[in-house]
Amino acid sequence: MTRSKLLLAALAAALLLPAARSAAQQEAPAPLPAYAHVGEDTITRPEIDWRIDEELEARPAIPAERRDVFARYMHKRLSESLIEQACLYEYARANGLMPSEDEIQTTLEQKIEQRGGEEEWKEWLDKRGLSLEDGRHAVERWLAAEKVRNSYAPTEEEIAEYFEKNKARLQANDEVEASHILIGTDPKDSPADKEAKKHLIEDLRKRIEEGEDFAALAREHSTCPSASKGGSLGKFKRGAMVKPFEEAAFALKPGELSDIVETQFGYHIIKVTDRKYAKGASLDDWRDEIVKRLKKSGGEKLVKDIRAACEVEYVEAETPAEE
C-alpha cells in the first residue's frame, strides 16, 4: 500500500472512531437518578415514583386536584420504607437470608400477572425509566427484607420467661366471633305478621345453606344495625348477649350456622367465624401463641436495630426532614 493510501486509511479510521464510540455510549443506559445509597444498593427516584403510582392506583377515589398533595405526602414515607428494605437486604446478604431464584421468579410472575402480562409489565417499567432488571431487583430486595423480618426465633428461655411474667393475664374466657341476620319483631305484631317473618328467616337460612353469601343477605334483609357490616358482631365473651343468642352462638364451631333462634328482638340466624376456648395457664397450651407474639416483637426490634446501624448516604444535600 502506498504512503498516500495509508494516510487516507488512518484518516478514515480517525473519523469513524468518534462515531463508533458514540454508538457504544448510546447502547449503555444512563444510570438512574439516585435518591440514596445503602451499602452496594441504591434507591432511585424512579423506583420511589413507582411506589407512589401504586399507592395512587389503589386509591382511585382521591380527587384529581388532591393527587399531587397525596404524592408529596407519600414520598417521604415510601422513600424511607425503601431505604429500610435496602438495609434489610444488605443484612440478608451478609447473613445467608437471601431468597432463592424460585422464590424471586414466583413473586415476579405474580407481579407480571397483576399488570396483565409481560408486555404490560415492561410498559409499566418503561414509562418510569426502569428496566426489567430493575423490576427483578425490587422484588428480590422486598423478599430479602421479608425474610429478615421473619427470621427472629425466640429461645426456650425467652418463651418461659414471657409465660411466667404473663401467666395471670393469659387466663382467658370463652370468646366467639360471629355474624347474624335479624328479622326483627314487635310486640304489636299480629300472629300472621310473626308467622310471615319466621317464614322469611327460614327461607334466608335455606338460601345460605344452598350457597348464597351470608354477608350479602345480611346487608339486604337484616334489621340489625350490623347489617351495614354484613351482619358482623365482632368478638364477644359470655354474658355479652341475651341468653338464647349466647347459648346458640357458643354451641357452634367456626363456619357453622345456627338453627333459627328467637329472642326478644326477633328471629336470628347466627354464623360463628372464629372461636377461642378458655384455657388454663399452662405453658404447653400457650406455647404457639407466645412464640407468635415473641417473633413479632423480636422481629420488630431486629428491624429497628438493623435500620439504626445502617449507613445511608442521601444524594440530596440534606436528609428528609422529620415530620
Protein backbone atom coordinates (compact mmCIF):
# COMPACT_ATOMS: atom_id res chain seq x y z
CA MET A 1 0.00 0.00 0.00
CA THR A 2 1.39 3.47 -0.95
CA ARG A 3 2.07 6.14 1.66
CA SER A 4 -0.90 8.21 0.45
CA LYS A 5 -3.25 5.25 0.80
CA LEU A 6 -2.00 4.60 4.33
CA LEU A 7 -2.68 8.21 5.29
CA LEU A 8 -6.20 8.02 3.84
CA ALA A 9 -6.93 4.79 5.77
CA ALA A 10 -5.68 6.33 9.01
CA LEU A 11 -7.79 9.43 8.41
CA ALA A 12 -10.89 7.33 7.75
CA ALA A 13 -10.33 5.33 10.92
CA ALA A 14 -9.91 8.53 12.90
CA LEU A 15 -13.15 9.92 11.50
CA LEU A 16 -15.06 6.71 12.21
CA LEU A 17 -13.76 6.29 15.80
CA PRO A 18 -15.89 9.04 17.41
CA ALA A 19 -19.00 7.67 15.69
CA ALA A 20 -18.27 4.15 16.96
CA ARG A 21 -17.61 5.48 20.46
CA SER A 22 -20.85 7.48 20.33
CA ALA A 23 -22.84 4.39 19.31
CA ALA A 24 -21.36 2.39 22.18
CA GLN A 25 -22.23 5.17 24.61
CA GLN A 26 -25.81 5.21 23.35
CA GLU A 27 -26.16 1.46 23.92
CA ALA A 28 -25.21 1.75 27.61
CA PRO A 29 -28.22 3.05 29.59
CA ALA A 30 -27.64 6.15 31.68
CA PRO A 31 -27.67 5.50 35.42
CA LEU A 32 -30.99 6.20 37.08
CA PRO A 33 -31.15 9.31 39.28
CA ALA A 34 -30.29 8.14 42.77
CA TYR A 35 -32.12 9.12 45.96
CA ALA A 36 -29.86 7.29 48.44
CA HIS A 37 -27.08 4.71 48.56
CA VAL A 38 -27.24 1.88 51.10
CA GLY A 39 -24.12 -0.28 51.01
CA GLU A 40 -23.93 -1.65 47.48
CA ASP A 41 -27.61 -0.97 46.86
CA THR A 42 -29.19 2.22 45.53
CA ILE A 43 -32.69 3.61 45.95
CA THR A 44 -33.56 5.51 42.79
CA ARG A 45 -36.09 8.26 42.25
CA PRO A 46 -37.96 6.32 39.53
CA GLU A 47 -38.44 3.46 41.99
CA ILE A 48 -39.95 5.82 44.56
CA ASP A 49 -42.24 7.19 41.83
CA TRP A 50 -43.25 3.60 41.03
CA ARG A 51 -44.35 3.07 44.65
CA ILE A 52 -46.23 6.37 44.70
CA ASP A 53 -48.03 5.43 41.47
CA GLU A 54 -49.07 2.10 43.01
CA GLU A 55 -50.46 3.92 46.05
CA LEU A 56 -52.42 6.27 43.80
CA GLU A 57 -53.75 3.33 41.78
CA ALA A 58 -55.02 1.76 44.99
CA ARG A 59 -56.91 4.95 45.88
CA PRO A 60 -58.96 5.93 42.80
CA ALA A 61 -61.35 7.95 44.99
CA ILE A 62 -58.72 10.65 45.63
CA PRO A 63 -59.84 13.74 43.63
CA ALA A 64 -57.54 14.78 40.78
CA GLU A 65 -56.74 18.11 42.46
CA ARG A 66 -55.55 16.29 45.61
CA ARG A 67 -53.38 13.64 43.98
CA ASP A 68 -50.23 15.80 43.85
CA VAL A 69 -50.63 16.63 47.54
CA PHE A 70 -51.04 12.94 48.35
CA ALA A 71 -47.98 12.06 46.26
CA ARG A 72 -45.85 14.58 48.16
CA TYR A 73 -47.17 13.25 51.45
CA MET A 74 -46.32 9.66 50.48
CA HIS A 75 -42.86 10.48 49.09
CA LYS A 76 -41.08 10.56 52.46
CA ARG A 77 -42.89 7.53 53.85
CA LEU A 78 -42.27 5.39 50.77
CA SER A 79 -38.66 6.50 50.25
CA GLU A 80 -37.85 5.71 53.87
CA SER A 81 -39.64 2.37 53.55
CA LEU A 82 -37.45 1.51 50.55
CA ILE A 83 -34.33 2.56 52.45
CA GLU A 84 -35.32 0.25 55.31
CA GLN A 85 -35.80 -2.54 52.77
CA ALA A 86 -32.32 -1.86 51.39
CA CYS A 87 -30.83 -2.02 54.90
CA LEU A 88 -32.53 -5.38 55.47
CA TYR A 89 -31.37 -6.51 52.02
CA GLU A 90 -27.75 -5.80 52.94
CA TYR A 91 -28.25 -7.67 56.23
CA ALA A 92 -29.77 -10.62 54.35
CA ARG A 93 -26.79 -10.75 52.00
CA ALA A 94 -24.38 -10.82 54.94
CA ASN A 95 -26.32 -13.42 56.92
CA GLY A 96 -27.43 -16.01 54.38
CA LEU A 97 -31.07 -14.92 54.26
CA MET A 98 -31.39 -14.17 50.56
CA PRO A 99 -34.42 -15.52 48.66
CA SER A 100 -33.95 -18.37 46.20
CA GLU A 101 -34.25 -17.90 42.45
CA ASP A 102 -37.52 -19.86 42.53
CA GLU A 103 -38.95 -17.51 45.17
CA ILE A 104 -37.93 -14.46 43.16
CA GLN A 105 -39.37 -15.87 39.94
CA THR A 106 -42.67 -16.87 41.57
CA THR A 107 -43.19 -13.40 43.06
CA LEU A 108 -42.10 -11.73 39.83
CA GLU A 109 -44.62 -13.78 37.86
CA GLN A 110 -47.35 -12.68 40.28
CA LYS A 111 -46.37 -9.04 39.70
CA ILE A 112 -46.45 -9.56 35.94
CA GLU A 113 -49.86 -11.24 36.14
CA GLN A 114 -51.23 -8.36 38.23
CA ARG A 115 -50.11 -5.96 35.48
CA GLY A 116 -51.83 -8.02 32.79
CA GLY A 117 -48.87 -9.80 31.22
CA GLU A 118 -45.23 -9.40 30.23
CA GLU A 119 -45.83 -6.61 27.71
CA GLU A 120 -47.88 -4.59 30.19
CA TRP A 121 -45.25 -5.16 32.90
CA LYS A 122 -42.46 -3.98 30.59
CA GLU A 123 -44.55 -0.97 29.52
CA TRP A 124 -45.22 -0.08 33.19
CA LEU A 125 -41.48 -0.11 33.90
CA ASP A 126 -40.54 1.68 30.66
CA LYS A 127 -42.85 4.60 31.46
CA ARG A 128 -40.92 5.13 34.67
CA GLY A 129 -37.47 4.72 33.11
CA LEU A 130 -36.97 1.32 34.75
CA SER A 131 -35.64 -1.86 33.17
CA LEU A 132 -36.77 -5.45 33.62
CA GLU A 133 -33.67 -5.96 35.78
CA ASP A 134 -34.75 -3.01 37.96
CA GLY A 135 -38.12 -4.70 38.44
CA ARG A 136 -36.49 -8.00 39.32
CA HIS A 137 -34.14 -6.36 41.81
CA ALA A 138 -37.05 -4.60 43.52
CA VAL A 139 -38.74 -7.98 44.01
CA GLU A 140 -35.51 -9.57 45.28
CA ARG A 141 -34.95 -6.75 47.76
CA TRP A 142 -38.51 -6.95 49.09
CA LEU A 143 -38.32 -10.74 49.53
CA ALA A 144 -34.96 -10.47 51.31
CA ALA A 145 -36.38 -7.86 53.67
CA GLU A 146 -39.37 -10.08 54.48
CA LYS A 147 -37.06 -13.00 55.24
CA VAL A 148 -35.14 -10.84 57.71
CA ARG A 149 -38.36 -9.60 59.35
CA ASN A 150 -39.49 -13.20 59.87
CA SER A 151 -36.11 -14.60 60.86
CA TYR A 152 -36.26 -13.91 64.58
CA ALA A 153 -36.73 -17.09 66.64
CA PRO A 154 -37.24 -16.81 70.41
CA THR A 155 -35.23 -19.08 72.70
CA GLU A 156 -36.78 -21.52 75.17
CA GLU A 157 -35.61 -19.22 77.98
CA GLU A 158 -37.44 -16.25 76.43
CA ILE A 159 -40.61 -18.31 75.99
CA ALA A 160 -40.55 -19.50 79.61
CA GLU A 161 -39.80 -16.00 80.91
CA TYR A 162 -42.70 -14.49 78.95
CA PHE A 163 -45.06 -17.16 80.27
CA GLU A 164 -44.09 -16.58 83.90
CA LYS A 165 -44.46 -12.80 83.60
CA ASN A 166 -47.88 -13.03 81.89
CA LYS A 167 -49.37 -16.17 83.43
CA ALA A 168 -52.30 -14.41 85.12
CA ARG A 169 -53.19 -12.40 82.02
CA LEU A 170 -53.07 -15.45 79.74
CA GLN A 171 -56.06 -17.00 81.50
CA ALA A 172 -58.87 -16.27 79.04
CA ASN A 173 -62.63 -16.74 78.92
CA ASP A 174 -64.56 -18.31 76.07
CA GLU A 175 -64.89 -15.95 73.15
CA VAL A 176 -66.54 -16.18 69.74
CA GLU A 177 -66.52 -14.04 66.63
CA ALA A 178 -69.90 -14.15 64.93
CA SER A 179 -72.28 -12.59 62.44
CA HIS A 180 -76.06 -12.74 62.41
CA ILE A 181 -79.14 -11.90 60.39
CA LEU A 182 -82.01 -10.48 62.42
CA ILE A 183 -85.60 -10.25 61.27
CA GLY A 184 -86.95 -8.02 64.00
CA THR A 185 -90.33 -8.49 65.61
CA ASP A 186 -92.53 -6.07 67.52
CA PRO A 187 -94.90 -6.75 70.45
CA LYS A 188 -97.64 -5.23 68.30
CA ASP A 189 -97.10 -7.79 65.52
CA SER A 190 -100.11 -9.96 64.81
CA PRO A 191 -99.69 -13.76 64.75
CA ALA A 192 -99.81 -13.54 60.95
CA ASP A 193 -97.02 -10.91 60.93
CA LYS A 194 -94.83 -13.07 63.15
CA GLU A 195 -95.50 -16.12 61.01
CA ALA A 196 -94.52 -14.22 57.86
CA LYS A 197 -91.26 -13.06 59.47
CA LYS A 198 -90.47 -16.58 60.58
CA HIS A 199 -91.03 -17.87 57.07
CA LEU A 200 -88.68 -15.16 55.78
CA ILE A 201 -85.85 -16.09 58.17
CA GLU A 202 -86.31 -19.80 57.37
CA ASP A 203 -86.09 -19.02 53.66
CA LEU A 204 -82.90 -16.98 54.20
CA ARG A 205 -81.31 -19.84 56.12
CA LYS A 206 -82.14 -22.24 53.30
CA ARG A 207 -80.59 -19.89 50.75
CA ILE A 208 -77.39 -19.66 52.81
CA GLU A 209 -77.20 -23.46 53.04
CA GLU A 210 -77.59 -23.61 49.25
CA GLY A 211 -74.54 -21.37 48.84
CA GLU A 212 -75.72 -17.75 48.85
CA ASP A 213 -73.45 -15.23 50.56
CA PHE A 214 -74.31 -14.70 54.23
CA ALA A 215 -72.97 -11.13 54.34
CA ALA A 216 -74.85 -10.08 51.20
CA LEU A 217 -78.15 -11.43 52.57
CA ALA A 218 -77.48 -9.72 55.90
CA ARG A 219 -76.97 -6.38 54.18
CA GLU A 220 -80.19 -6.81 52.23
CA HIS A 221 -82.54 -8.25 54.84
CA SER A 222 -81.24 -7.88 58.41
CA THR A 223 -82.97 -5.27 60.58
CA CYS A 224 -79.98 -5.03 62.96
CA PRO A 225 -77.57 -2.06 62.60
CA SER A 226 -74.86 -4.67 61.98
CA ALA A 227 -76.39 -5.20 58.53
CA SER A 228 -74.11 -2.49 57.13
CA LYS A 229 -71.15 -4.70 58.13
CA GLY A 230 -72.57 -7.85 56.60
CA GLY A 231 -74.07 -8.84 59.95
CA SER A 232 -70.71 -8.89 61.77
CA LEU A 233 -70.93 -8.54 65.55
CA GLY A 234 -67.18 -8.88 66.05
CA LYS A 235 -65.85 -10.80 69.06
CA PHE A 236 -67.76 -11.20 72.32
CA LYS A 237 -67.47 -13.19 75.54
CA ARG A 238 -70.11 -14.97 77.56
CA GLY A 239 -72.53 -12.59 79.23
CA ALA A 240 -72.45 -10.02 76.44
CA MET A 241 -75.57 -11.26 74.62
CA VAL A 242 -79.09 -12.27 75.66
CA LYS A 243 -79.23 -15.86 76.90
CA PRO A 244 -80.85 -17.67 73.92
CA PHE A 245 -78.47 -15.94 71.49
CA GLU A 246 -75.42 -16.67 73.67
CA GLU A 247 -76.28 -20.34 74.11
CA ALA A 248 -76.73 -20.80 70.37
CA ALA A 249 -73.55 -18.93 69.45
CA PHE A 250 -71.30 -20.73 71.94
CA ALA A 251 -72.66 -24.11 70.83
CA LEU A 252 -71.32 -23.54 67.29
CA LYS A 253 -67.91 -24.27 65.80
CA PRO A 254 -66.25 -21.87 63.32
CA GLY A 255 -68.10 -21.97 60.00
CA GLU A 256 -71.29 -23.49 61.43
CA LEU A 257 -74.76 -21.98 61.06
CA SER A 258 -77.33 -21.96 63.84
CA ASP A 259 -80.95 -23.03 63.66
CA ILE A 260 -83.50 -20.22 63.88
CA VAL A 261 -83.03 -18.52 67.27
CA GLU A 262 -85.85 -16.47 68.79
CA THR A 263 -85.09 -13.68 71.27
CA GLN A 264 -86.95 -10.61 72.48
CA PHE A 265 -85.55 -8.81 69.41
CA GLY A 266 -86.87 -11.22 66.81
CA TYR A 267 -85.59 -14.15 64.77
CA HIS A 268 -81.85 -14.72 64.24
CA ILE A 269 -79.53 -16.83 62.11
CA ILE A 270 -76.06 -16.94 63.66
CA LYS A 271 -72.80 -17.83 61.95
CA VAL A 272 -69.63 -18.26 64.01
CA THR A 273 -66.43 -17.30 62.16
CA ASP A 274 -63.89 -17.85 64.95
CA ARG A 275 -63.78 -19.39 68.41
CA LYS A 276 -61.37 -19.04 71.32
CA TYR A 277 -61.77 -21.56 74.10
CA ALA A 278 -60.98 -20.91 77.72
CA LYS A 279 -57.51 -22.17 78.56
CA GLY A 280 -55.69 -22.95 81.75
CA ALA A 281 -52.45 -21.06 82.14
CA SER A 282 -50.07 -23.88 81.15
CA LEU A 283 -47.00 -23.30 79.01
CA ASP A 284 -47.90 -26.16 76.65
CA ASP A 285 -51.32 -24.61 75.95
CA TRP A 286 -49.84 -21.20 75.26
CA ARG A 287 -46.51 -22.07 73.60
CA ASP A 288 -47.65 -21.39 69.99
CA GLU A 289 -49.28 -18.08 70.93
CA ILE A 290 -46.24 -16.97 72.95
CA VAL A 291 -43.86 -17.85 70.10
CA LYS A 292 -46.07 -15.87 67.72
CA ARG A 293 -46.01 -12.81 69.99
CA LEU A 294 -42.27 -13.01 70.62
CA LYS A 295 -41.50 -13.47 66.93
CA LYS A 296 -43.48 -10.32 66.18
CA SER A 297 -41.90 -8.16 68.89
CA GLY A 298 -38.44 -9.64 68.35
CA GLY A 299 -38.68 -9.15 64.60
CA GLU A 300 -39.70 -5.52 65.06
CA LYS A 301 -36.72 -4.91 67.36
CA LEU A 302 -34.35 -6.64 64.93
CA VAL A 303 -35.54 -4.40 62.08
CA LYS A 304 -35.21 -1.31 64.27
CA ASP A 305 -31.65 -2.27 65.27
CA ILE A 306 -30.62 -3.01 61.68
CA ARG A 307 -32.00 0.31 60.48
CA ALA A 308 -30.25 2.21 63.30
CA ALA A 309 -26.89 0.64 62.43
CA CYS A 310 -27.36 1.01 58.67
CA GLU A 311 -25.25 3.62 56.88
CA VAL A 312 -27.32 5.60 54.41
CA GLU A 313 -25.83 8.13 52.03
CA TYR A 314 -28.51 10.51 50.82
CA VAL A 315 -27.79 12.01 47.43
CA GLU A 316 -29.60 15.20 48.38
CA ALA A 317 -27.75 17.85 50.37
CA GLU A 318 -29.95 17.12 53.41
CA THR A 319 -31.68 14.04 54.70
CA PRO A 320 -35.50 14.12 54.64
CA ALA A 321 -36.84 16.38 57.39
CA GLU A 322 -38.58 14.74 60.31
CA GLU A 323 -42.32 15.19 60.48
